[in-house]
C-alpha cells in the first residue's frame, strides 16, 4: 500500500446514520485465512467508532485467534459439534 492510499483511507469520515456507539459483530466462524485477514478490520472499526462495542463470533477451534485484541469487547464461541448436530446455539 502506498502512502497516498494510506492517507486516503484514514481521511475518509466514518459512515453516517449510525449511533455514536454502535454494536458491531464480526462473524468469522472457521476459515483460518479469512480470520487472519479480518483481524485488521477490528482496528478500523475502533478507529471509526471509538465508543463502539466490538464482538467476534467464531467456532471453538479458532476462538483463541482474536483473544487479547484490545479492539474487542467480547468474544463469542460456538460449539462446532452442537451446531452440526442441529442443537440450538
Protein backbone atom coordinates (compact mmCIF):
# COMPACT_ATOMS: atom_id res chain seq x y z
CA UNK A 1 0.00 0.00 0.00
CA UNK A 2 1.38 3.41 -0.93
CA UNK A 3 1.42 6.34 1.47
CA UNK A 4 -1.20 8.04 -0.73
CA UNK A 5 -3.56 5.07 -0.27
CA UNK A 6 -2.97 5.15 3.48
CA UNK A 7 -3.77 8.88 3.66
CA UNK A 8 -6.94 8.39 1.65
CA UNK A 9 -8.16 5.58 3.90
CA UNK A 10 -7.57 7.45 7.14
CA UNK A 11 -9.03 10.69 5.78
CA UNK A 12 -12.43 9.18 4.96
CA UNK A 13 -15.12 10.03 7.52
CA UNK A 14 -16.97 7.31 9.37
CA UNK A 15 -20.28 6.32 7.74
CA UNK A 16 -23.21 8.43 8.87
CA UNK A 17 -26.57 7.27 10.08
CA UNK A 18 -25.16 5.11 12.88
CA UNK A 19 -25.35 5.86 16.58
CA UNK A 20 -22.16 7.19 18.20
CA UNK A 21 -21.63 3.83 19.90
CA UNK A 22 -22.87 1.09 17.53
CA UNK A 23 -22.68 -2.60 18.39
CA UNK A 24 -20.58 -4.45 15.82
CA UNK A 25 -20.38 -8.23 15.46
CA UNK A 26 -17.67 -9.74 13.25
CA UNK A 27 -18.69 -13.26 12.21
CA UNK A 28 -15.84 -15.49 11.07
CA UNK A 29 -16.72 -18.98 12.24
CA UNK A 30 -13.95 -21.22 10.96
CA UNK A 31 -11.78 -20.35 7.97
CA UNK A 32 -8.30 -19.61 9.31
CA UNK A 33 -7.24 -17.49 6.32
CA UNK A 34 -10.41 -15.41 6.45
CA UNK A 35 -9.95 -14.87 10.19
CA UNK A 36 -6.35 -13.69 9.83
CA UNK A 37 -7.31 -11.32 7.02
CA UNK A 38 -10.26 -9.96 9.02
CA UNK A 39 -8.26 -9.08 12.14
CA UNK A 40 -7.25 -5.61 10.82
CA UNK A 41 -10.94 -4.79 10.44
CA UNK A 42 -11.18 -4.64 14.23
CA UNK A 43 -8.77 -1.70 14.34
CA UNK A 44 -10.60 0.07 11.53
CA UNK A 45 -13.92 -0.32 13.35
CA UNK A 46 -12.42 1.03 16.58
CA UNK A 47 -10.85 3.94 14.71
CA UNK A 48 -14.14 4.86 13.01
CA UNK A 49 -16.25 4.39 16.15
CA UNK A 50 -14.09 4.61 19.29
CA UNK A 51 -17.11 4.02 21.56
CA UNK A 52 -18.47 1.04 19.60
CA UNK A 53 -18.96 -2.31 21.29
CA UNK A 54 -16.99 -4.81 19.18
CA UNK A 55 -17.60 -8.55 19.37
CA UNK A 56 -16.23 -11.56 17.47
CA UNK A 57 -18.14 -14.79 16.78
CA UNK A 58 -16.32 -17.99 15.84
CA UNK A 59 -16.19 -21.75 16.32
CA UNK A 60 -14.38 -23.11 19.36
CA UNK A 61 -11.37 -24.45 17.44
CA UNK A 62 -10.37 -20.97 16.23
CA UNK A 63 -11.82 -18.87 19.05
CA UNK A 64 -8.41 -18.09 20.54
CA UNK A 65 -7.18 -16.21 17.45
CA UNK A 66 -8.74 -12.84 18.28
CA UNK A 67 -8.17 -13.33 22.04
CA UNK A 68 -6.41 -10.44 23.73
CA UNK A 69 -7.16 -7.95 20.96
CA UNK A 70 -7.66 -4.55 22.60
CA UNK A 71 -10.25 -3.64 19.95
CA UNK A 72 -12.63 -6.36 21.14
CA UNK A 73 -15.09 -6.06 23.99
CA UNK A 74 -16.41 -9.61 23.68
CA UNK A 75 -15.57 -12.94 22.08
CA UNK A 76 -18.45 -15.33 21.40
CA UNK A 77 -17.66 -19.02 20.92
CA UNK A 78 -19.81 -21.52 19.04
CA UNK A 79 -19.57 -25.23 19.78
CA UNK A 80 -19.00 -26.69 16.32
CA UNK A 81 -20.27 -30.14 17.31
CA UNK A 82 -23.50 -28.68 18.68
CA UNK A 83 -24.10 -26.63 15.53
CA UNK A 84 -23.54 -29.65 13.28
CA UNK A 85 -25.87 -31.79 15.38
CA UNK A 86 -28.60 -29.22 14.93
CA UNK A 87 -28.67 -28.19 18.56
CA UNK A 88 -29.81 -24.72 19.38
CA UNK A 89 -26.98 -22.21 19.82
